[in-house]
Amino acid sequence: MRNGKTFTLKGNDIRNGWQVLDADGQALGRLAVRAAILLMGKHKPVYSPHLPMGDFVVVINAGKVRFTGNKLANKIYYRHTGYMGGLKETVLKDMMQKKPERVIELAVKRMLPQNKLGRQLFGRLKVYAGPEHPHESQVNAAAKAARA
């Protein structure tokens, strides 16, 4: 025990890094769990659930994510337009052809807290269908800062 005082992390003490996850060949759920943990900051020893502790997460190759079982044909995403009878359905196979990034975004978003903090953390998730992303300088700067 250090002087009998509890250590509390302040907002200025937070150091956010950048993490890159490659979705090529990874199962959707396992990738989403890893991204959610990094966004919330649970991988850090000074984790505080009420602060935006986590790192920025860049997911590349979203179009190459792997699905188990018959999910491509059977999994359905629902959304509502707000009008009477406005329930819209989209099958996973169609969504992967049109917007593969959205599949990963929805999986990660639903694993984050459903409150203001969760919405703030979700803004730190960047998903790209291909291998290129425009955050190379941030990722390199974070890697250099971590080594120093």
Protein backbone atom coordinates (compact mmCIF):
# COMPACT_ATOMS: atom_id res chain seq x y z
CA MET A 1 0.00 0.00 0.00
CA ARG A 2 1.40 3.38 -0.99
CA ASN A 3 0.83 5.84 1.85
CA GLY A 4 -2.70 4.48 2.28
CA LYS A 5 -3.97 6.54 -0.69
CA THR A 6 -5.88 5.33 -3.69
CA PHE A 7 -4.45 6.21 -7.10
CA THR A 8 -6.99 7.91 -9.35
CA LEU A 9 -6.21 8.63 -12.96
CA LYS A 10 -6.96 12.15 -14.21
CA GLY A 11 -7.88 13.21 -17.73
CA ASN A 12 -4.47 14.81 -18.35
CA ASP A 13 -2.66 11.57 -17.47
CA ILE A 14 -4.25 9.63 -20.35
CA ARG A 15 -1.95 8.67 -23.22
CA ASN A 16 -3.78 7.40 -26.31
CA GLY A 17 -1.88 5.39 -28.87
CA TRP A 18 -2.81 3.97 -32.27
CA GLN A 19 -3.31 0.27 -32.99
CA VAL A 20 -3.69 -1.39 -36.40
CA LEU A 21 -5.65 -4.64 -36.70
CA ASP A 22 -5.63 -6.72 -39.88
CA ALA A 23 -9.00 -8.43 -40.44
CA ASP A 24 -7.69 -10.72 -43.18
CA GLY A 25 -8.78 -14.27 -42.29
CA GLN A 26 -9.91 -13.40 -38.74
CA ALA A 27 -13.33 -14.33 -37.39
CA LEU A 28 -15.62 -11.31 -37.04
CA GLY A 29 -16.46 -11.77 -33.35
CA ARG A 30 -12.87 -12.31 -32.23
CA LEU A 31 -11.71 -9.27 -34.19
CA ALA A 32 -14.53 -7.14 -32.75
CA VAL A 33 -13.71 -8.19 -29.17
CA ARG A 34 -10.03 -7.27 -29.67
CA ALA A 35 -10.98 -3.88 -31.12
CA ALA A 36 -13.47 -3.17 -28.29
CA ILE A 37 -10.87 -4.01 -25.63
CA LEU A 38 -8.33 -1.69 -27.25
CA LEU A 39 -10.91 1.12 -27.61
CA MET A 40 -11.97 0.89 -23.95
CA GLY A 41 -8.39 0.66 -22.68
CA LYS A 42 -8.81 -2.60 -20.80
CA HIS A 43 -5.36 -3.68 -22.00
CA LYS A 44 -3.73 -0.93 -19.91
CA PRO A 45 -2.77 -1.42 -16.25
CA VAL A 46 -4.35 1.90 -15.22
CA TYR A 47 -7.79 1.17 -16.75
CA SER A 48 -10.64 3.34 -15.47
CA PRO A 49 -14.13 2.53 -16.76
CA HIS A 50 -15.34 6.14 -16.63
CA LEU A 51 -12.53 7.66 -18.75
CA PRO A 52 -11.71 7.32 -22.47
CA MET A 53 -8.54 5.35 -21.74
CA GLY A 54 -8.25 3.35 -24.94
CA ASP A 55 -6.27 3.73 -28.10
CA PHE A 56 -7.42 4.68 -31.57
CA VAL A 57 -8.00 1.50 -33.59
CA VAL A 58 -7.54 1.17 -37.36
CA VAL A 59 -8.96 -2.00 -38.91
CA ILE A 60 -7.73 -2.82 -42.42
CA ASN A 61 -8.86 -5.49 -44.92
CA ALA A 62 -12.45 -5.44 -43.62
CA GLY A 63 -13.61 -7.10 -46.82
CA LYS A 64 -11.57 -10.23 -46.03
CA VAL A 65 -13.02 -10.96 -42.58
CA ARG A 66 -14.02 -14.61 -42.02
CA PHE A 67 -17.43 -15.94 -40.94
CA THR A 68 -18.18 -19.33 -39.42
CA GLY A 69 -21.18 -21.51 -40.14
CA ASN A 70 -23.94 -20.22 -42.43
CA LYS A 71 -23.79 -16.64 -41.23
CA LEU A 72 -23.34 -15.20 -44.74
CA ALA A 73 -26.76 -16.51 -45.74
CA ASN A 74 -28.61 -16.49 -42.40
CA LYS A 75 -27.45 -13.42 -40.44
CA ILE A 76 -29.80 -10.48 -40.91
CA TYR A 77 -29.20 -6.85 -39.90
CA TYR A 78 -32.30 -4.82 -39.03
CA ARG A 79 -32.82 -1.06 -39.08
CA HIS A 80 -35.93 1.10 -38.91
CA THR A 81 -36.64 4.20 -40.97
CA GLY A 82 -38.87 5.72 -38.31
CA TYR A 83 -42.03 5.44 -40.41
CA MET A 84 -44.86 2.96 -39.97
CA GLY A 85 -43.85 -0.39 -41.41
CA GLY A 86 -40.34 0.93 -42.01
CA LEU A 87 -38.39 -2.09 -40.82
CA LYS A 88 -35.57 -2.81 -43.28
CA GLU A 89 -33.61 -6.06 -43.44
CA THR A 90 -30.18 -6.65 -44.94
CA VAL A 91 -28.53 -10.05 -45.23
CA LEU A 92 -24.85 -10.24 -44.24
CA LYS A 93 -23.82 -11.38 -47.72
CA ASP A 94 -25.34 -8.24 -49.30
CA MET A 95 -23.82 -5.95 -46.68
CA MET A 96 -20.37 -7.47 -47.23
CA GLN A 97 -20.65 -6.70 -50.96
CA LYS A 98 -21.87 -3.11 -50.47
CA LYS A 99 -20.26 -1.92 -47.21
CA PRO A 100 -17.85 -4.42 -45.59
CA GLU A 101 -16.67 -1.71 -43.16
CA ARG A 102 -20.17 -1.39 -41.69
CA VAL A 103 -20.21 -5.04 -40.59
CA ILE A 104 -17.15 -4.57 -38.37
CA GLU A 105 -18.37 -1.17 -37.14
CA LEU A 106 -21.70 -2.65 -36.00
CA ALA A 107 -20.03 -5.61 -34.28
CA VAL A 108 -17.64 -3.36 -32.34
CA LYS A 109 -20.27 -0.69 -31.56
CA ARG A 110 -22.53 -3.25 -29.93
CA MET A 111 -19.67 -4.40 -27.66
CA LEU A 112 -18.97 -0.90 -26.34
CA PRO A 113 -20.93 0.74 -23.48
CA GLN A 114 -24.31 2.06 -24.60
CA ASN A 115 -23.84 5.62 -23.31
CA LYS A 116 -21.97 8.88 -24.04
CA LEU A 117 -18.60 7.29 -23.36
CA GLY A 118 -19.36 4.44 -25.76
CA ARG A 119 -20.26 6.89 -28.52
CA GLN A 120 -17.03 8.80 -27.87
CA LEU A 121 -14.99 5.58 -28.00
CA PHE A 122 -16.72 4.47 -31.20
CA GLY A 123 -15.49 7.65 -32.88
CA ARG A 124 -11.94 6.37 -32.40
CA LEU A 125 -12.59 3.32 -34.57
CA LYS A 126 -11.47 3.62 -38.20
CA VAL A 127 -12.37 0.76 -40.57
CA TYR A 128 -11.16 0.36 -44.16
CA ALA A 129 -12.05 -2.31 -46.72
CA GLY A 130 -8.56 -2.47 -48.23
CA PRO A 131 -5.00 -2.60 -46.88
CA GLU A 132 -4.34 1.17 -47.18
CA HIS A 133 -5.39 3.75 -44.59
CA PRO A 134 -4.71 7.50 -44.20
CA HIS A 135 -3.51 7.24 -40.57
CA GLU A 136 0.03 6.02 -41.24
CA SER A 137 1.68 9.10 -39.72
CA GLN A 138 -0.33 8.82 -36.46
CA VAL A 139 0.47 5.12 -36.15
CA ASN A 140 4.18 5.75 -36.74
CA ALA A 141 4.25 8.67 -34.29
CA ALA A 142 2.55 6.53 -31.61
CA ALA A 143 5.04 3.72 -32.19
CA LYS A 144 7.97 6.12 -31.84
CA ALA A 145 6.49 7.60 -28.64
CA ALA A 146 6.01 4.10 -27.18
CA ARG A 147 9.66 3.21 -27.84
CA ALA A 148 10.97 6.46 -26.29
